[in-house]
Amino acid sequence: MFVREEDVLEAAARWRREGRGVALATVIETWGSAPRPVGSHLVIDEAGNFLGSVSGGCVEGAVVAEAADVIADGRGRVIEFGVADETAWQVGLSCGGRIAVYVEKVA
């Protein structure tokens, strides 16, 4: 299902208004081939619900896990993912691409 970036940001605001702990992940840099462009968002709440996409595969799972820590401690962080060509498809980064994702708590 295609989700517009505006829908992801609206969900972040709505979830905060509902009193949920929320983190927003944003693709801030890509190198080589990457499934999602710079500016792509994934919103995650404290229960692990999420909407949007920053990559796919194992990367998305790792971002959701990192978001739980960001919600708990309130400290944003940059996480980077990169893989060798032979393992790229397994984690959702085709052709050995690399990405950097900034994960921040939504206040």
C-alpha atoms as a PDB file:
ATOM      1  CA  MET A   1       0.000   0.000   0.000  1.00  0.00           C
ATOM      2  CA  PHE A   2       1.356   3.414  -0.988  1.00  0.00           C
ATOM      3  CA  VAL A   3       1.450   5.978   1.817  1.00  0.00           C
ATOM      4  CA  ARG A   4       2.129   9.651   1.133  1.00  0.00           C
ATOM      5  CA  GLU A   5       4.762  11.421   3.226  1.00  0.00           C
ATOM      6  CA  GLU A   6       2.036  13.852   4.344  1.00  0.00           C
ATOM      7  CA  ASP A   7       0.056  10.910   5.755  1.00  0.00           C
ATOM      8  CA  VAL A   8       3.068   9.771   7.776  1.00  0.00           C
ATOM      9  CA  LEU A   9       3.603  13.227   9.266  1.00  0.00           C
ATOM     10  CA  GLU A  10      -0.112  13.599  10.045  1.00  0.00           C
ATOM     11  CA  ALA A  11      -0.055  10.218  11.796  1.00  0.00           C
ATOM     12  CA  ALA A  12       2.902  11.401  13.909  1.00  0.00           C
ATOM     13  CA  ALA A  13       0.979  14.495  15.000  1.00  0.00           C
ATOM     14  CA  ARG A  14      -2.245  12.563  15.621  1.00  0.00           C
ATOM     15  CA  TRP A  15      -0.504   9.858  17.651  1.00  0.00           C
ATOM     16  CA  ARG A  16       1.155  12.539  19.845  1.00  0.00           C
ATOM     17  CA  ARG A  17      -2.213  14.243  20.393  1.00  0.00           C
ATOM     18  CA  GLU A  18      -3.522  10.848  21.526  1.00  0.00           C
ATOM     19  CA  GLY A  19      -0.778  10.754  24.166  1.00  0.00           C
ATOM     20  CA  ARG A  20       1.418   8.132  22.549  1.00  0.00           C
ATOM     21  CA  GLY A  21       5.205   8.191  22.672  1.00  0.00           C
ATOM     22  CA  VAL A  22       6.280   8.730  19.065  1.00  0.00           C
ATOM     23  CA  ALA A  23       9.502   8.738  17.066  1.00  0.00           C
ATOM     24  CA  LEU A  24      10.034   9.905  13.500  1.00  0.00           C
ATOM     25  CA  ALA A  25      12.710   8.365  11.287  1.00  0.00           C
ATOM     26  CA  THR A  26      13.888  10.288   8.219  1.00  0.00           C
ATOM     27  CA  VAL A  27      16.263   9.219   5.451  1.00  0.00           C
ATOM     28  CA  ILE A  28      18.933  11.940   5.508  1.00  0.00           C
ATOM     29  CA  GLU A  29      21.501  10.520   3.102  1.00  0.00           C
ATOM     30  CA  THR A  30      21.849   7.750   0.530  1.00  0.00           C
ATOM     31  CA  TRP A  31      24.800   6.372  -1.395  1.00  0.00           C
ATOM     32  CA  GLY A  32      24.473   4.085  -4.390  1.00  0.00           C
ATOM     33  CA  SER A  33      21.199   2.282  -4.805  1.00  0.00           C
ATOM     34  CA  ALA A  34      18.613   2.803  -2.046  1.00  0.00           C
ATOM     35  CA  PRO A  35      14.922   1.819  -2.048  1.00  0.00           C
ATOM     36  CA  ARG A  36      13.678   5.133  -0.601  1.00  0.00           C
ATOM     37  CA  PRO A  37      14.891   8.670  -1.362  1.00  0.00           C
ATOM     38  CA  VAL A  38      16.216  11.292   1.038  1.00  0.00           C
ATOM     39  CA  GLY A  39      13.295  12.787   2.961  1.00  0.00           C
ATOM     40  CA  SER A  40      11.340   9.530   3.270  1.00  0.00           C
ATOM     41  CA  HIS A  41       9.724   9.034   6.686  1.00  0.00           C
ATOM     42  CA  LEU A  42       8.696   6.243   9.037  1.00  0.00           C
ATOM     43  CA  VAL A  43       6.695   7.074  12.170  1.00  0.00           C
ATOM     44  CA  ILE A  44       6.744   4.650  15.102  1.00  0.00           C
ATOM     45  CA  ASP A  45       4.813   4.680  18.377  1.00  0.00           C
ATOM     46  CA  GLU A  46       5.823   3.184  21.737  1.00  0.00           C
ATOM     47  CA  ALA A  47       3.820   0.024  21.039  1.00  0.00           C
ATOM     48  CA  GLY A  48       5.766  -0.636  17.817  1.00  0.00           C
ATOM     49  CA  ASN A  49       3.002   0.463  15.442  1.00  0.00           C
ATOM     50  CA  PHE A  50       4.444   2.192  12.388  1.00  0.00           C
ATOM     51  CA  LEU A  51       3.511   3.882   9.132  1.00  0.00           C
ATOM     52  CA  GLY A  52       5.660   4.829   6.160  1.00  0.00           C
ATOM     53  CA  SER A  53       9.001   3.500   4.994  1.00  0.00           C
ATOM     54  CA  VAL A  54      12.678   4.375   5.097  1.00  0.00           C
ATOM     55  CA  SER A  55      13.990   1.294   3.322  1.00  0.00           C
ATOM     56  CA  GLY A  56      12.413  -2.105   3.814  1.00  0.00           C
ATOM     57  CA  GLY A  57      13.676  -5.500   4.862  1.00  0.00           C
ATOM     58  CA  CYS A  58      15.808  -5.784   7.997  1.00  0.00           C
ATOM     59  CA  VAL A  59      16.632  -2.068   7.937  1.00  0.00           C
ATOM     60  CA  GLU A  60      13.067  -1.122   8.753  1.00  0.00           C
ATOM     61  CA  GLY A  61      12.993  -3.576  11.676  1.00  0.00           C
ATOM     62  CA  ALA A  62      16.228  -2.135  13.042  1.00  0.00           C
ATOM     63  CA  VAL A  63      14.841   1.424  12.767  1.00  0.00           C
ATOM     64  CA  VAL A  64      11.665   0.412  14.648  1.00  0.00           C
ATOM     65  CA  ALA A  65      13.816  -1.129  17.409  1.00  0.00           C
ATOM     66  CA  GLU A  66      16.010   1.986  17.596  1.00  0.00           C
ATOM     67  CA  ALA A  67      12.900   4.166  17.778  1.00  0.00           C
ATOM     68  CA  ALA A  68      11.895   2.467  21.033  1.00  0.00           C
ATOM     69  CA  ASP A  69      15.174   3.632  22.590  1.00  0.00           C
ATOM     70  CA  VAL A  70      14.716   7.153  21.199  1.00  0.00           C
ATOM     71  CA  ILE A  71      11.206   7.354  22.667  1.00  0.00           C
ATOM     72  CA  ALA A  72      12.529   6.136  26.033  1.00  0.00           C
ATOM     73  CA  ASP A  73      15.582   8.409  26.333  1.00  0.00           C
ATOM     74  CA  GLY A  74      14.518  11.343  24.151  1.00  0.00           C
ATOM     75  CA  ARG A  75      17.872  11.533  22.369  1.00  0.00           C
ATOM     76  CA  GLY A  76      17.845  11.623  18.567  1.00  0.00           C
ATOM     77  CA  ARG A  77      20.485   9.709  16.690  1.00  0.00           C
ATOM     78  CA  VAL A  78      21.752   8.916  13.219  1.00  0.00           C
ATOM     79  CA  ILE A  79      21.968   5.268  12.269  1.00  0.00           C
ATOM     80  CA  GLU A  80      23.686   4.060   9.121  1.00  0.00           C
ATOM     81  CA  PHE A  81      23.131   0.905   7.134  1.00  0.00           C
ATOM     82  CA  GLY A  82      25.324  -0.472   4.382  1.00  0.00           C
ATOM     83  CA  VAL A  83      25.940  -3.906   3.001  1.00  0.00           C
ATOM     84  CA  ALA A  84      28.099  -5.729   0.514  1.00  0.00           C
ATOM     85  CA  ASP A  85      26.572  -6.530  -2.870  1.00  0.00           C
ATOM     86  CA  GLU A  86      26.194 -10.240  -2.095  1.00  0.00           C
ATOM     87  CA  THR A  87      23.955  -9.613   0.929  1.00  0.00           C
ATOM     88  CA  ALA A  88      22.164  -6.475  -0.271  1.00  0.00           C
ATOM     89  CA  TRP A  89      18.842  -8.095  -1.212  1.00  0.00           C
ATOM     90  CA  GLN A  90      18.547  -9.827   2.159  1.00  0.00           C
ATOM     91  CA  VAL A  91      18.326  -6.519   4.037  1.00  0.00           C
ATOM     92  CA  GLY A  92      16.446  -4.503   1.429  1.00  0.00           C
ATOM     93  CA  LEU A  93      19.344  -2.489   0.001  1.00  0.00           C
ATOM     94  CA  SER A  94      19.718  -3.491  -3.616  1.00  0.00           C
ATOM     95  CA  CYS A  95      23.100  -3.158  -5.367  1.00  0.00           C
ATOM     96  CA  GLY A  96      25.041  -2.577  -2.160  1.00  0.00           C
ATOM     97  CA  GLY A  97      23.481   0.785  -1.341  1.00  0.00           C
ATOM     98  CA  ARG A  98      23.932   2.571   1.959  1.00  0.00           C
ATOM     99  CA  ILE A  99      21.592   4.887   3.836  1.00  0.00           C
ATOM    100  CA  ALA A 100      21.672   7.151   6.890  1.00  0.00           C
ATOM    101  CA  VAL A 101      18.496   7.597   8.928  1.00  0.00           C
ATOM    102  CA  TYR A 102      17.888  10.209  11.636  1.00  0.00           C
ATOM    103  CA  VAL A 103      15.527   9.009  14.385  1.00  0.00           C
ATOM    104  CA  GLU A 104      14.057  11.652  16.699  1.00  0.00           C
ATOM    105  CA  LYS A 105      11.404  11.795  19.387  1.00  0.00           C
ATOM    106  CA  VAL A 106       8.266  13.735  18.455  1.00  0.00           C
ATOM    107  CA  ALA A 107       7.472  16.200  21.227  1.00  0.00           C
END
